């Protein structure tokens, strides 16, 4: 439906989705359509015009919105992990973003709120994790191709460990309000990669 909308219609739909995402971060999936209408300033007829299938369709749109935010918030750093300095710049951005977002973290909202609500939303979570791990794997390949890691380096395992570390670190940070575990997970993972680096001659 989105492709057939006018520019104004796309803007209205985007406003509804963004407002709904904020409501869900605050209230969870128990939030009602009336809560979302009030936050977005839309009428019931307008809401159902853009989401005729109701709340489940809106939840899918929110899941996609939150998934897009997770990756977009790491750019352009996530897309150019070709030196060790680039990896540390990305690391600093990841920690700073999640620390600043706190309870409004899109990753937390996606995993703990929207992602558990419908099979479609869960599929979006799975796709996010796949794409994120592939970005990380591309970064490991880039430093390998630049001669900083041996050709035999296990790219996929390194990327999987990085992603798992981020997930765990963010979960603990959301529970405690402290970024130390996220910082430790990223620092340890990057240090492990550098332990396998090709010696400089």
Protein backbone atom coordinates (compact mmCIF):
# COMPACT_ATOMS: atom_id res chain seq x y z
CA UNK A 1 0.00 0.00 0.00
CA UNK A 2 2.86 2.38 0.82
CA UNK A 3 4.05 2.56 -2.80
CA UNK A 4 0.62 3.80 -3.96
CA UNK A 5 0.46 6.64 -1.43
CA UNK A 6 1.05 10.27 -2.24
CA UNK A 7 3.98 12.08 -0.63
CA UNK A 8 1.57 13.51 1.95
CA UNK A 9 0.09 10.08 2.56
CA UNK A 10 3.54 8.53 3.07
CA UNK A 11 4.40 11.29 5.52
CA UNK A 12 1.16 10.71 7.45
CA UNK A 13 1.73 6.96 7.57
CA UNK A 14 5.32 7.48 8.73
CA UNK A 15 4.11 9.83 11.47
CA UNK A 16 1.63 7.21 12.68
CA UNK A 17 4.30 4.49 12.74
CA UNK A 18 6.82 6.68 14.55
CA UNK A 19 4.23 7.76 17.12
CA UNK A 20 3.08 4.19 17.59
CA UNK A 21 6.68 3.09 18.16
CA UNK A 22 7.04 5.66 20.93
CA UNK A 23 3.82 4.49 22.56
CA UNK A 24 4.92 0.85 22.47
CA UNK A 25 8.29 1.67 24.01
CA UNK A 26 6.46 3.34 26.88
CA UNK A 27 3.51 0.99 27.35
CA UNK A 28 4.38 -2.26 25.57
CA UNK A 29 2.05 -4.20 23.28
CA UNK A 30 -0.81 -3.58 25.71
CA UNK A 31 -1.02 -0.08 24.20
CA UNK A 32 -4.32 0.47 22.41
CA UNK A 33 -5.08 1.97 19.04
CA UNK A 34 -6.70 4.86 20.91
CA UNK A 35 -3.36 5.52 22.64
CA UNK A 36 -1.66 5.56 19.26
CA UNK A 37 -4.33 7.78 17.69
CA UNK A 38 -3.96 10.29 20.49
CA UNK A 39 -0.16 10.39 20.22
CA UNK A 40 -0.16 10.65 16.42
CA UNK A 41 -3.08 13.07 16.19
CA UNK A 42 -5.04 10.90 13.77
CA UNK A 43 -8.68 9.91 13.61
CA UNK A 44 -9.91 6.32 13.75
CA UNK A 45 -10.88 6.40 10.08
CA UNK A 46 -7.48 7.78 9.13
CA UNK A 47 -5.68 5.11 11.13
CA UNK A 48 -7.64 2.33 9.45
CA UNK A 49 -7.12 3.94 6.06
CA UNK A 50 -3.38 3.33 6.39
CA UNK A 51 -3.67 0.10 8.40
CA UNK A 52 -6.95 -1.54 7.33
CA UNK A 53 -6.01 -4.85 9.00
CA UNK A 54 -5.75 -3.15 12.38
CA UNK A 55 -3.21 -3.48 15.16
CA UNK A 56 -1.33 -6.50 13.81
CA UNK A 57 -0.59 -4.70 10.56
CA UNK A 58 0.55 -1.64 12.49
CA UNK A 59 2.79 -3.79 14.69
CA UNK A 60 4.49 -5.17 11.58
CA UNK A 61 5.13 -1.64 10.34
CA UNK A 62 6.57 -0.70 13.74
CA UNK A 63 8.80 -3.78 13.74
CA UNK A 64 10.21 -2.81 10.35
CA UNK A 65 10.68 0.79 11.50
CA UNK A 66 12.59 -0.29 14.61
CA UNK A 67 14.69 -2.80 12.65
CA UNK A 68 15.67 -0.12 10.13
CA UNK A 69 16.64 2.22 12.97
CA UNK A 70 18.98 -0.34 14.52
CA UNK A 71 21.14 -0.50 11.39
CA UNK A 72 20.70 3.12 10.29
CA UNK A 73 21.93 4.35 13.69
CA UNK A 74 25.28 2.64 13.07
CA UNK A 75 25.92 4.15 9.66
CA UNK A 76 28.16 5.14 7.97
CA UNK A 77 30.52 3.38 10.38
CA UNK A 78 29.01 -0.10 10.05
CA UNK A 79 29.51 0.04 6.28
CA UNK A 80 33.25 0.80 6.31
CA UNK A 81 34.93 -1.47 8.87
CA UNK A 82 38.13 -1.86 6.84
CA UNK A 83 40.77 -0.78 9.40
CA UNK A 84 41.23 -1.25 13.14
CA UNK A 85 40.64 2.46 13.65
CA UNK A 86 37.34 2.11 11.79
CA UNK A 87 36.31 -0.73 14.09
CA UNK A 88 36.99 1.40 17.18
CA UNK A 89 35.07 4.35 15.72
CA UNK A 90 32.10 2.03 15.13
CA UNK A 91 32.47 0.65 18.64
CA UNK A 92 32.33 4.15 20.13
CA UNK A 93 29.23 5.03 18.08
CA UNK A 94 27.41 1.85 19.12
CA UNK A 95 28.09 2.45 22.82
CA UNK A 96 27.21 6.14 22.63
CA UNK A 97 23.96 5.54 20.72
CA UNK A 98 22.65 2.84 23.03
CA UNK A 99 23.69 4.76 26.13
CA UNK A 100 21.92 7.90 24.86
CA UNK A 101 18.78 6.01 23.79
CA UNK A 102 18.34 4.23 27.11
CA UNK A 103 14.80 2.91 27.48
CA UNK A 104 13.92 4.23 24.00
CA UNK A 105 16.45 1.84 22.46
CA UNK A 106 14.99 0.46 19.20
CA UNK A 107 16.72 -2.87 19.76
CA UNK A 108 15.04 -3.31 23.14
CA UNK A 109 11.67 -2.28 21.74
CA UNK A 110 12.00 -4.67 18.82
CA UNK A 111 13.11 -7.69 20.84
CA UNK A 112 11.12 -7.27 24.03
CA UNK A 113 7.97 -5.55 22.79
CA UNK A 114 7.10 -5.80 19.11
CA UNK A 115 9.14 -8.84 18.10
CA UNK A 116 7.22 -11.20 20.35
CA UNK A 117 3.79 -10.09 19.21
CA UNK A 118 3.25 -11.72 15.82
CA UNK A 119 5.02 -14.27 13.58
CA UNK A 120 5.52 -11.53 10.99
CA UNK A 121 7.28 -9.29 13.49
CA UNK A 122 9.46 -12.19 14.57
CA UNK A 123 10.47 -12.71 10.93
CA UNK A 124 11.56 -9.07 10.77
CA UNK A 125 13.73 -9.62 13.86
CA UNK A 126 15.32 -12.67 12.23
CA UNK A 127 16.04 -10.69 9.06
CA UNK A 128 17.53 -7.83 11.08
CA UNK A 129 19.91 -10.21 12.84
CA UNK A 130 20.90 -11.82 9.54
CA UNK A 131 21.59 -8.45 7.89
CA UNK A 132 23.45 -7.13 10.93
CA UNK A 133 25.68 -10.20 11.13
CA UNK A 134 26.41 -9.93 7.41
CA UNK A 135 27.47 -6.28 7.85
CA UNK A 136 29.84 -7.37 10.61
CA UNK A 137 31.13 -10.27 8.52
CA UNK A 138 31.76 -7.86 5.64
CA UNK A 139 33.82 -5.72 8.01
CA UNK A 140 35.90 -8.69 9.14
CA UNK A 141 36.42 -9.67 5.49
CA UNK A 142 37.50 -6.11 4.72
CA UNK A 143 40.30 -6.11 7.31
CA UNK A 144 41.25 -9.62 6.18
CA UNK A 145 41.37 -8.50 2.53
CA UNK A 146 43.50 -5.51 3.56
CA UNK A 147 46.08 -7.95 4.88
CA UNK A 148 45.36 -7.32 8.55
CA UNK A 149 44.09 -10.86 9.21
CA UNK A 150 45.22 -14.20 7.77
CA UNK A 151 43.31 -15.61 4.81
CA UNK A 152 42.16 -18.54 6.95
CA UNK A 153 40.51 -16.33 9.58
CA UNK A 154 37.01 -17.53 10.56
CA UNK A 155 34.94 -14.54 9.44
CA UNK A 156 31.49 -15.91 10.20
CA UNK A 157 32.30 -17.04 13.74
CA UNK A 158 33.85 -13.66 14.54
CA UNK A 159 30.76 -11.86 13.24
CA UNK A 160 28.41 -14.16 15.18
CA UNK A 161 30.36 -13.59 18.40
CA UNK A 162 30.30 -9.82 17.89
CA UNK A 163 26.56 -9.81 17.37
CA UNK A 164 25.94 -12.02 20.39
CA UNK A 165 28.12 -9.73 22.49
CA UNK A 166 26.19 -6.65 21.40
CA UNK A 167 22.86 -8.33 22.12
CA UNK A 168 23.91 -9.40 25.59
CA UNK A 169 25.57 -6.08 26.37
CA UNK A 170 22.53 -4.06 25.33
CA UNK A 171 20.19 -6.32 27.32
CA UNK A 172 22.26 -5.86 30.47
CA UNK A 173 22.53 -2.13 29.85
CA UNK A 174 18.74 -1.84 29.54
CA UNK A 175 18.36 -3.73 32.82
CA UNK A 176 21.01 -1.83 34.77
CA UNK A 177 21.32 1.51 33.01
CA UNK A 178 25.08 0.97 32.70
CA UNK A 179 27.02 0.40 29.46
CA UNK A 180 29.98 -1.46 30.96
CA UNK A 181 29.02 -4.92 29.70
CA UNK A 182 28.39 -3.62 26.18
CA UNK A 183 31.76 -1.87 26.19
CA UNK A 184 33.47 -5.00 27.49
CA UNK A 185 31.81 -7.24 24.87
CA UNK A 186 32.87 -5.00 22.00
CA UNK A 187 36.39 -4.40 23.33
CA UNK A 188 36.94 -8.11 23.95
CA UNK A 189 35.66 -9.11 20.51
CA UNK A 190 37.82 -6.57 18.68
CA UNK A 191 40.83 -7.53 20.82
CA UNK A 192 40.30 -11.20 19.93
CA UNK A 193 40.32 -10.30 16.26
CA UNK A 194 43.52 -8.31 16.68
CA UNK A 195 45.18 -11.26 18.43
CA UNK A 196 44.86 -13.09 15.13
CA UNK A 197 46.27 -10.20 13.10
CA UNK A 198 49.08 -10.70 10.61
CA UNK A 199 52.34 -9.43 12.18
CA UNK A 200 53.60 -6.14 10.74
CA UNK A 201 56.97 -6.58 9.00
